[in-house]
Amino acid sequence: MQIEESVKAVEVMALAMAPPLVLDAASPLRHVIQRMRDDNSGCALITRDGRLAGVFTERDLVKRVLGTAGAFEQPVADWMTPDPDRVFQSDTVRKAVRLMRRGGFRHIPVVDEAGGVVGCVRDKDIINYLGEHFAPQVLNLPPDPEQIALEREGG
């Protein structure tokens, strides 16, 4: 199977995803940031009543929180990106890639039909999948197949 065919057919749940960091919307922002740091996670999926309510990422921290007095004691719901794009368990890798590319995301939540969080696709998960399943096609090509090195690289 070729890369194009694979990403159109393979469901996102076939990707090797790390367990997502899932926290409640009422959690203090300080707690969320500490958990992200402890878990070495770039994002936290925020739930309300067991359903996905938002996403809080490193970008949110840098662009919206830093420099705001008292922010760390407020609930994460005040700082998260509400109602984020998401994919369902049965959606394909292609759909996840399209949403991530369109929105400039590095993470996209995976939910079940009831809106409960079941995973989080990271850009790394997709890259790892392609590298493992299509190594000859993705690892042996120059960035531009028409590119020809005019000088030797390195020392």
N, C-alpha and C. Protein backbone atom coordinates (compact mmCIF):
# COMPACT_ATOMS: atom_id res chain seq x y z
N MET A 1 0.85 -1.17 0.00
CA MET A 1 0.00 0.00 0.00
C MET A 1 0.90 1.24 0.00
N GLN A 2 0.56 2.21 -0.83
CA GLN A 2 1.30 3.45 -0.92
C GLN A 2 0.90 4.40 0.21
N ILE A 3 1.71 5.42 0.43
CA ILE A 3 1.45 6.37 1.51
C ILE A 3 0.07 7.01 1.35
N GLU A 4 -0.23 7.49 0.16
CA GLU A 4 -1.51 8.17 -0.07
C GLU A 4 -2.69 7.27 0.25
N GLU A 5 -2.61 6.02 -0.19
CA GLU A 5 -3.69 5.07 0.07
C GLU A 5 -3.81 4.76 1.55
N SER A 6 -2.66 4.66 2.21
CA SER A 6 -2.66 4.31 3.63
C SER A 6 -3.32 5.38 4.48
N VAL A 7 -2.94 6.65 4.28
CA VAL A 7 -3.52 7.70 5.12
C VAL A 7 -5.01 7.90 4.84
N LYS A 8 -5.47 7.46 3.66
CA LYS A 8 -6.89 7.53 3.36
C LYS A 8 -7.67 6.39 4.01
N ALA A 9 -7.00 5.28 4.28
CA ALA A 9 -7.69 4.09 4.76
C ALA A 9 -7.49 3.80 6.25
N VAL A 10 -6.34 4.15 6.80
CA VAL A 10 -6.01 3.79 8.18
C VAL A 10 -6.70 4.75 9.14
N GLU A 11 -7.35 4.16 10.16
CA GLU A 11 -8.02 4.97 11.18
C GLU A 11 -7.00 5.52 12.18
N VAL A 12 -7.31 6.67 12.75
CA VAL A 12 -6.38 7.31 13.68
C VAL A 12 -6.04 6.43 14.88
N MET A 13 -6.92 5.54 15.26
CA MET A 13 -6.67 4.68 16.42
C MET A 13 -5.58 3.64 16.12
N ALA A 14 -5.19 3.51 14.86
CA ALA A 14 -4.09 2.60 14.51
C ALA A 14 -2.73 3.22 14.81
N LEU A 15 -2.71 4.53 15.03
CA LEU A 15 -1.46 5.21 15.36
C LEU A 15 -1.04 4.87 16.78
N ALA A 16 0.24 4.80 17.02
CA ALA A 16 0.76 4.58 18.37
C ALA A 16 0.76 5.92 19.09
N MET A 17 -0.28 6.15 19.89
CA MET A 17 -0.42 7.42 20.60
C MET A 17 -0.12 7.22 22.08
N ALA A 18 0.57 8.19 22.67
CA ALA A 18 0.76 8.18 24.11
C ALA A 18 -0.58 8.50 24.77
N PRO A 19 -0.80 8.02 25.99
CA PRO A 19 -2.06 8.38 26.67
C PRO A 19 -2.16 9.91 26.80
N PRO A 20 -3.33 10.47 26.51
CA PRO A 20 -3.46 11.92 26.57
C PRO A 20 -3.54 12.42 28.01
N LEU A 21 -3.14 13.65 28.22
CA LEU A 21 -3.31 14.31 29.50
C LEU A 21 -4.69 14.93 29.48
N VAL A 22 -5.57 14.44 30.34
CA VAL A 22 -6.95 14.90 30.37
C VAL A 22 -7.23 15.49 31.75
N LEU A 23 -7.68 16.73 31.79
CA LEU A 23 -7.95 17.43 33.04
C LEU A 23 -9.29 18.13 32.95
N ASP A 24 -9.87 18.41 34.12
CA ASP A 24 -11.17 19.06 34.19
C ASP A 24 -11.06 20.56 33.96
N ALA A 25 -12.09 21.14 33.37
CA ALA A 25 -12.12 22.56 33.05
C ALA A 25 -12.00 23.45 34.29
N ALA A 26 -12.37 22.95 35.44
CA ALA A 26 -12.29 23.75 36.67
C ALA A 26 -10.89 23.72 37.29
N SER A 27 -9.98 22.92 36.77
CA SER A 27 -8.63 22.83 37.32
C SER A 27 -7.93 24.18 37.24
N PRO A 28 -7.22 24.55 38.31
CA PRO A 28 -6.45 25.80 38.24
C PRO A 28 -5.37 25.70 37.17
N LEU A 29 -5.15 26.79 36.48
CA LEU A 29 -4.16 26.81 35.40
C LEU A 29 -2.79 26.36 35.90
N ARG A 30 -2.41 26.75 37.11
CA ARG A 30 -1.13 26.35 37.68
C ARG A 30 -1.00 24.82 37.71
N HIS A 31 -2.08 24.13 38.11
CA HIS A 31 -2.08 22.67 38.16
C HIS A 31 -1.94 22.07 36.76
N VAL A 32 -2.62 22.62 35.80
CA VAL A 32 -2.56 22.12 34.42
C VAL A 32 -1.14 22.25 33.87
N ILE A 33 -0.54 23.40 34.08
CA ILE A 33 0.83 23.63 33.58
C ILE A 33 1.80 22.67 34.26
N GLN A 34 1.64 22.47 35.56
CA GLN A 34 2.53 21.54 36.28
C GLN A 34 2.37 20.12 35.76
N ARG A 35 1.13 19.69 35.50
CA ARG A 35 0.89 18.35 34.96
C ARG A 35 1.47 18.21 33.55
N MET A 36 1.35 19.25 32.74
CA MET A 36 1.93 19.20 31.40
C MET A 36 3.45 19.05 31.51
N ARG A 37 4.04 19.78 32.43
CA ARG A 37 5.49 19.69 32.64
C ARG A 37 5.88 18.30 33.14
N ASP A 38 5.16 17.79 34.14
CA ASP A 38 5.46 16.48 34.71
C ASP A 38 5.32 15.37 33.67
N ASP A 39 4.30 15.48 32.82
CA ASP A 39 4.02 14.46 31.81
C ASP A 39 4.79 14.70 30.51
N ASN A 40 5.57 15.78 30.46
CA ASN A 40 6.30 16.15 29.25
C ASN A 40 5.34 16.20 28.05
N SER A 41 4.23 16.88 28.27
CA SER A 41 3.18 16.95 27.26
C SER A 41 3.05 18.38 26.74
N GLY A 42 2.84 18.51 25.45
CA GLY A 42 2.67 19.81 24.83
C GLY A 42 1.26 20.33 24.89
N CYS A 43 0.33 19.47 25.35
CA CYS A 43 -1.05 19.93 25.45
C CYS A 43 -1.81 19.13 26.49
N ALA A 44 -2.87 19.75 26.97
CA ALA A 44 -3.80 19.07 27.88
C ALA A 44 -5.18 19.15 27.25
N LEU A 45 -5.88 18.04 27.26
CA LEU A 45 -7.25 18.02 26.77
C LEU A 45 -8.15 18.31 27.97
N ILE A 46 -9.00 19.28 27.82
CA ILE A 46 -9.81 19.76 28.93
C ILE A 46 -11.25 19.27 28.76
N THR A 47 -11.78 18.66 29.82
CA THR A 47 -13.13 18.11 29.75
C THR A 47 -14.06 18.81 30.74
N ARG A 48 -15.32 18.71 30.42
CA ARG A 48 -16.39 19.18 31.30
C ARG A 48 -17.48 18.11 31.22
N ASP A 49 -17.84 17.55 32.37
CA ASP A 49 -18.85 16.48 32.42
C ASP A 49 -18.47 15.29 31.53
N GLY A 50 -17.17 14.99 31.49
CA GLY A 50 -16.69 13.83 30.75
C GLY A 50 -16.58 14.00 29.25
N ARG A 51 -16.86 15.18 28.76
CA ARG A 51 -16.79 15.44 27.32
C ARG A 51 -15.73 16.48 27.02
N LEU A 52 -15.13 16.40 25.85
CA LEU A 52 -14.11 17.36 25.45
C LEU A 52 -14.70 18.76 25.41
N ALA A 53 -14.08 19.69 26.14
CA ALA A 53 -14.55 21.07 26.18
C ALA A 53 -13.53 22.02 25.55
N GLY A 54 -12.24 21.62 25.59
CA GLY A 54 -11.22 22.50 25.05
C GLY A 54 -9.85 21.87 25.07
N VAL A 55 -8.88 22.65 24.63
CA VAL A 55 -7.49 22.23 24.60
C VAL A 55 -6.66 23.38 25.14
N PHE A 56 -5.67 23.03 25.96
CA PHE A 56 -4.72 24.03 26.44
C PHE A 56 -3.34 23.56 26.01
N THR A 57 -2.61 24.42 25.27
CA THR A 57 -1.32 24.03 24.72
C THR A 57 -0.22 24.98 25.19
N GLU A 58 1.01 24.58 24.86
CA GLU A 58 2.15 25.45 25.15
C GLU A 58 1.99 26.80 24.46
N ARG A 59 1.43 26.79 23.29
CA ARG A 59 1.20 28.05 22.56
C ARG A 59 0.24 28.95 23.32
N ASP A 60 -0.81 28.36 23.90
CA ASP A 60 -1.75 29.14 24.71
C ASP A 60 -1.03 29.79 25.88
N LEU A 61 -0.16 29.03 26.51
CA LEU A 61 0.59 29.56 27.65
C LEU A 61 1.44 30.75 27.22
N VAL A 62 2.17 30.61 26.15
CA VAL A 62 3.08 31.66 25.72
C VAL A 62 2.34 32.87 25.15
N LYS A 63 1.34 32.64 24.33
CA LYS A 63 0.68 33.75 23.64
C LYS A 63 -0.40 34.44 24.45
N ARG A 64 -1.05 33.71 25.39
CA ARG A 64 -2.20 34.30 26.05
C ARG A 64 -2.03 34.48 27.55
N VAL A 65 -1.25 33.63 28.19
CA VAL A 65 -1.19 33.64 29.65
C VAL A 65 -0.03 34.46 30.20
N LEU A 66 1.16 34.20 29.71
CA LEU A 66 2.35 34.85 30.27
C LEU A 66 2.20 36.37 30.26
N GLY A 67 2.53 36.97 31.38
CA GLY A 67 2.42 38.41 31.51
C GLY A 67 1.08 38.89 32.04
N THR A 68 0.17 37.96 32.31
CA THR A 68 -1.14 38.33 32.84
C THR A 68 -1.16 38.06 34.35
N ALA A 69 -1.33 39.08 35.14
CA ALA A 69 -1.32 38.95 36.59
C ALA A 69 -2.47 38.07 37.07
N GLY A 70 -2.16 37.13 37.95
CA GLY A 70 -3.18 36.29 38.57
C GLY A 70 -3.70 35.15 37.71
N ALA A 71 -3.17 34.99 36.52
CA ALA A 71 -3.68 33.98 35.59
C ALA A 71 -3.54 32.56 36.13
N PHE A 72 -2.45 32.29 36.84
CA PHE A 72 -2.16 30.92 37.25
C PHE A 72 -3.14 30.37 38.27
N GLU A 73 -3.89 31.22 38.93
CA GLU A 73 -4.87 30.76 39.92
C GLU A 73 -6.26 30.62 39.31
N GLN A 74 -6.45 31.09 38.09
CA GLN A 74 -7.75 31.01 37.44
C GLN A 74 -7.97 29.61 36.87
N PRO A 75 -9.21 29.22 36.62
CA PRO A 75 -9.46 27.91 36.01
C PRO A 75 -8.95 27.87 34.57
N VAL A 76 -8.50 26.71 34.17
CA VAL A 76 -7.97 26.54 32.81
C VAL A 76 -9.03 26.87 31.77
N ALA A 77 -10.31 26.73 32.13
CA ALA A 77 -11.39 27.04 31.19
C ALA A 77 -11.32 28.48 30.69
N ASP A 78 -10.74 29.37 31.51
CA ASP A 78 -10.61 30.77 31.10
C ASP A 78 -9.52 30.97 30.05
N TRP A 79 -8.64 29.99 29.87
CA TRP A 79 -7.47 30.15 29.01
C TRP A 79 -7.40 29.13 27.88
N MET A 80 -8.19 28.10 27.94
CA MET A 80 -8.13 27.04 26.91
C MET A 80 -8.72 27.55 25.60
N THR A 81 -8.46 26.80 24.55
CA THR A 81 -9.13 27.01 23.28
C THR A 81 -10.40 26.19 23.33
N PRO A 82 -11.57 26.83 23.39
CA PRO A 82 -12.81 26.06 23.53
C PRO A 82 -13.24 25.40 22.23
N ASP A 83 -13.98 24.31 22.37
CA ASP A 83 -14.57 23.61 21.24
C ASP A 83 -13.56 23.41 20.10
N PRO A 84 -12.46 22.71 20.38
CA PRO A 84 -11.42 22.55 19.36
C PRO A 84 -11.84 21.59 18.25
N ASP A 85 -11.14 21.69 17.12
CA ASP A 85 -11.31 20.68 16.08
C ASP A 85 -10.95 19.34 16.69
N ARG A 86 -11.56 18.28 16.21
CA ARG A 86 -11.32 16.94 16.74
C ARG A 86 -11.60 15.92 15.66
N VAL A 87 -11.14 14.71 15.89
CA VAL A 87 -11.47 13.60 15.00
C VAL A 87 -12.12 12.52 15.85
N PHE A 88 -12.90 11.69 15.20
CA PHE A 88 -13.52 10.56 15.87
C PHE A 88 -12.63 9.32 15.71
N GLN A 89 -12.85 8.34 16.54
CA GLN A 89 -12.06 7.11 16.50
C GLN A 89 -12.04 6.49 15.12
N SER A 90 -13.13 6.58 14.41
CA SER A 90 -13.24 5.94 13.10
C SER A 90 -12.71 6.81 11.95
N ASP A 91 -12.32 8.04 12.24
CA ASP A 91 -11.79 8.92 11.19
C ASP A 91 -10.41 8.45 10.76
N THR A 92 -10.04 8.84 9.56
CA THR A 92 -8.76 8.40 9.00
C THR A 92 -7.62 9.35 9.39
N VAL A 93 -6.43 8.84 9.21
CA VAL A 93 -5.23 9.64 9.43
C VAL A 93 -5.27 10.85 8.49
N ARG A 94 -5.76 10.67 7.30
CA ARG A 94 -5.86 11.77 6.33
C ARG A 94 -6.68 12.93 6.89
N LYS A 95 -7.79 12.63 7.53
CA LYS A 95 -8.62 13.70 8.10
C LYS A 95 -7.86 14.42 9.20
N ALA A 96 -7.17 13.69 10.05
CA ALA A 96 -6.38 14.31 11.12
C ALA A 96 -5.32 15.23 10.54
N VAL A 97 -4.61 14.75 9.52
CA VAL A 97 -3.56 15.55 8.89
C VAL A 97 -4.15 16.82 8.28
N ARG A 98 -5.27 16.70 7.61
CA ARG A 98 -5.90 17.88 6.99
C ARG A 98 -6.29 18.92 8.03
N LEU A 99 -6.90 18.46 9.13
CA LEU A 99 -7.30 19.40 10.18
C LEU A 99 -6.07 20.06 10.81
N MET A 100 -5.04 19.27 11.05
CA MET A 100 -3.83 19.80 11.66
C MET A 100 -3.16 20.81 10.74
N ARG A 101 -3.11 20.50 9.48
CA ARG A 101 -2.48 21.40 8.51
C ARG A 101 -3.28 22.69 8.37
N ARG A 102 -4.58 22.56 8.24
CA ARG A 102 -5.44 23.73 8.07
C ARG A 102 -5.36 24.67 9.26
N GLY A 103 -5.34 24.09 10.48
CA GLY A 103 -5.33 24.92 11.68
C GLY A 103 -3.96 25.24 12.22
N GLY A 104 -2.92 24.62 11.66
CA GLY A 104 -1.57 24.84 12.18
C GLY A 104 -1.37 24.17 13.53
N PHE A 105 -2.07 23.05 13.77
CA PHE A 105 -2.00 22.35 15.06
C PHE A 105 -0.90 21.30 15.06
N ARG A 106 -0.40 21.03 16.25
CA ARG A 106 0.52 19.90 16.45
C ARG A 106 -0.17 18.76 17.18
N HIS A 107 -1.38 19.02 17.67
CA HIS A 107 -2.15 18.01 18.41
C HIS A 107 -3.61 18.11 17.96
N ILE A 108 -4.27 16.96 17.89
CA ILE A 108 -5.71 16.99 17.62
C ILE A 108 -6.36 15.90 18.46
N PRO A 109 -7.38 16.26 19.25
CA PRO A 109 -8.04 15.28 20.11
C PRO A 109 -8.80 14.23 19.30
N VAL A 110 -8.86 13.04 19.88
CA VAL A 110 -9.66 11.95 19.32
C VAL A 110 -10.77 11.67 20.33
N VAL A 111 -12.00 11.68 19.85
CA VAL A 111 -13.14 11.47 20.74
C VAL A 111 -14.01 10.32 20.25
N ASP A 112 -14.82 9.80 21.19
CA ASP A 112 -15.81 8.78 20.81
C ASP A 112 -17.10 9.49 20.40
N GLU A 113 -18.11 8.74 20.06
CA GLU A 113 -19.36 9.32 19.57
C GLU A 113 -20.05 10.20 20.60
N ALA A 114 -19.80 9.95 21.90
CA ALA A 114 -20.41 10.75 22.96
C ALA A 114 -19.58 12.00 23.29
N GLY A 115 -18.43 12.17 22.64
CA GLY A 115 -17.59 13.33 22.89
C GLY A 115 -16.56 13.11 23.98
N GLY A 116 -16.46 11.87 24.48
CA GLY A 116 -15.45 11.55 25.47
C GLY A 116 -14.08 11.39 24.83
N VAL A 117 -13.05 11.81 25.54
CA VAL A 117 -11.69 11.75 25.02
C VAL A 117 -11.17 10.32 25.03
N VAL A 118 -10.64 9.87 23.90
CA VAL A 118 -10.03 8.54 23.81
C VAL A 118 -8.57 8.60 23.37
N GLY A 119 -8.11 9.77 22.94
CA GLY A 119 -6.73 9.89 22.52
C GLY A 119 -6.42 11.29 22.06
N CYS A 120 -5.18 11.46 21.63
CA CYS A 120 -4.73 12.73 21.08
C CYS A 120 -3.64 12.43 20.06
N VAL A 121 -3.90 12.76 18.82
CA VAL A 121 -2.92 12.55 17.75
C VAL A 121 -1.94 13.71 17.78
N ARG A 122 -0.67 13.39 17.85
CA ARG A 122 0.39 14.40 17.80
C ARG A 122 1.05 14.32 16.43
N ASP A 123 1.66 15.41 16.02
CA ASP A 123 2.38 15.38 14.75
C ASP A 123 3.43 14.28 14.76
N LYS A 124 4.04 14.04 15.92
CA LYS A 124 5.06 12.99 16.06
C LYS A 124 4.48 11.61 15.77
N ASP A 125 3.23 11.39 16.17
CA ASP A 125 2.59 10.09 15.95
C ASP A 125 2.47 9.80 14.46
N ILE A 126 2.11 10.81 13.69
CA ILE A 126 1.96 10.63 12.25
C ILE A 126 3.32 10.42 11.59
N ILE A 127 4.30 11.19 12.00
CA ILE A 127 5.66 11.04 11.46
C ILE A 127 6.20 9.64 11.78
N ASN A 128 6.01 9.20 13.02
CA ASN A 128 6.47 7.86 13.40
C ASN A 128 5.77 6.78 12.58
N TYR A 129 4.48 6.93 12.36
CA TYR A 129 3.73 5.96 11.56
C TYR A 129 4.30 5.88 10.14
N LEU A 130 4.51 7.03 9.54
CA LEU A 130 5.05 7.05 8.18
C LEU A 130 6.45 6.47 8.12
N GLY A 131 7.27 6.80 9.11
CA GLY A 131 8.64 6.28 9.15
C GLY A 131 8.68 4.77 9.33
N GLU A 132 7.79 4.24 10.17
CA GLU A 132 7.77 2.80 10.42
C GLU A 132 7.21 2.01 9.25
N HIS A 133 6.17 2.52 8.61
CA HIS A 133 5.49 1.77 7.56
C HIS A 133 5.99 2.06 6.14
N PHE A 134 6.64 3.20 5.98
CA PHE A 134 7.07 3.59 4.64
C PHE A 134 8.50 4.09 4.64
N ALA A 135 9.34 3.46 5.41
CA ALA A 135 10.73 3.91 5.56
C ALA A 135 11.44 4.13 4.22
N PRO A 136 11.39 3.19 3.28
CA PRO A 136 12.13 3.42 2.02
C PRO A 136 11.64 4.66 1.27
N GLN A 137 10.34 4.94 1.33
CA GLN A 137 9.82 6.09 0.59
C GLN A 137 10.11 7.42 1.27
N VAL A 138 10.09 7.47 2.60
CA VAL A 138 10.23 8.77 3.27
C VAL A 138 11.63 9.05 3.79
N LEU A 139 12.43 8.04 4.01
CA LEU A 139 13.75 8.27 4.58
C LEU A 139 14.86 8.38 3.55
N ASN A 140 14.62 7.96 2.33
CA ASN A 140 15.68 7.95 1.33
C ASN A 140 15.55 9.04 0.27
N LEU A 141 14.59 9.91 0.44
CA LEU A 141 14.40 10.95 -0.57
C LEU A 141 15.00 12.26 -0.09
N PRO A 142 15.59 13.03 -0.99
CA PRO A 142 16.01 14.37 -0.60
C PRO A 142 14.75 15.23 -0.42
N PRO A 143 14.87 16.38 0.23
CA PRO A 143 13.68 17.23 0.43
C PRO A 143 12.98 17.57 -0.87
N ASP A 144 13.73 17.71 -1.93
CA ASP A 144 13.18 18.01 -3.24
C ASP A 144 13.83 17.04 -4.23
N PRO A 145 13.07 16.11 -4.80
CA PRO A 145 13.67 15.12 -5.70
C PRO A 145 14.42 15.74 -6.88
N GLU A 146 14.12 16.97 -7.24
CA GLU A 146 14.81 17.65 -8.34
C GLU A 146 16.09 18.34 -7.87
N GLN A 147 16.27 18.39 -6.55
CA GLN A 147 17.41 19.11 -5.97
C GLN A 147 18.71 18.31 -6.20
N ILE A 148 19.71 19.02 -6.64
CA ILE A 148 21.02 18.41 -6.86
C ILE A 148 22.04 19.22 -6.07
N ALA A 149 22.79 18.58 -5.22
CA ALA A 149 23.79 19.29 -4.42
C ALA A 149 24.94 19.72 -5.32
N LEU A 150 25.24 21.01 -5.30
CA LEU A 150 26.35 21.52 -6.10
C LEU A 150 27.67 21.49 -5.33
N GLU A 151 27.54 21.47 -4.00
CA GLU A 151 28.72 21.38 -3.13
C GLU A 151 28.53 20.27 -2.13
N ARG A 152 29.62 19.74 -1.70
CA ARG A 152 29.60 18.68 -0.72
C ARG A 152 29.16 19.25 0.64
N GLU A 153 28.29 18.54 1.33
CA GLU A 153 27.80 19.01 2.62
C GLU A 153 28.72 18.49 3.72
N GLY A 154 28.89 19.30 4.76
CA GLY A 154 29.68 18.86 5.90
C GLY A 154 31.13 19.28 5.78
N GLY A 155 31.95 18.77 6.72
CA GLY A 155 33.33 19.21 6.78
C GLY A 155 34.32 18.29 6.22
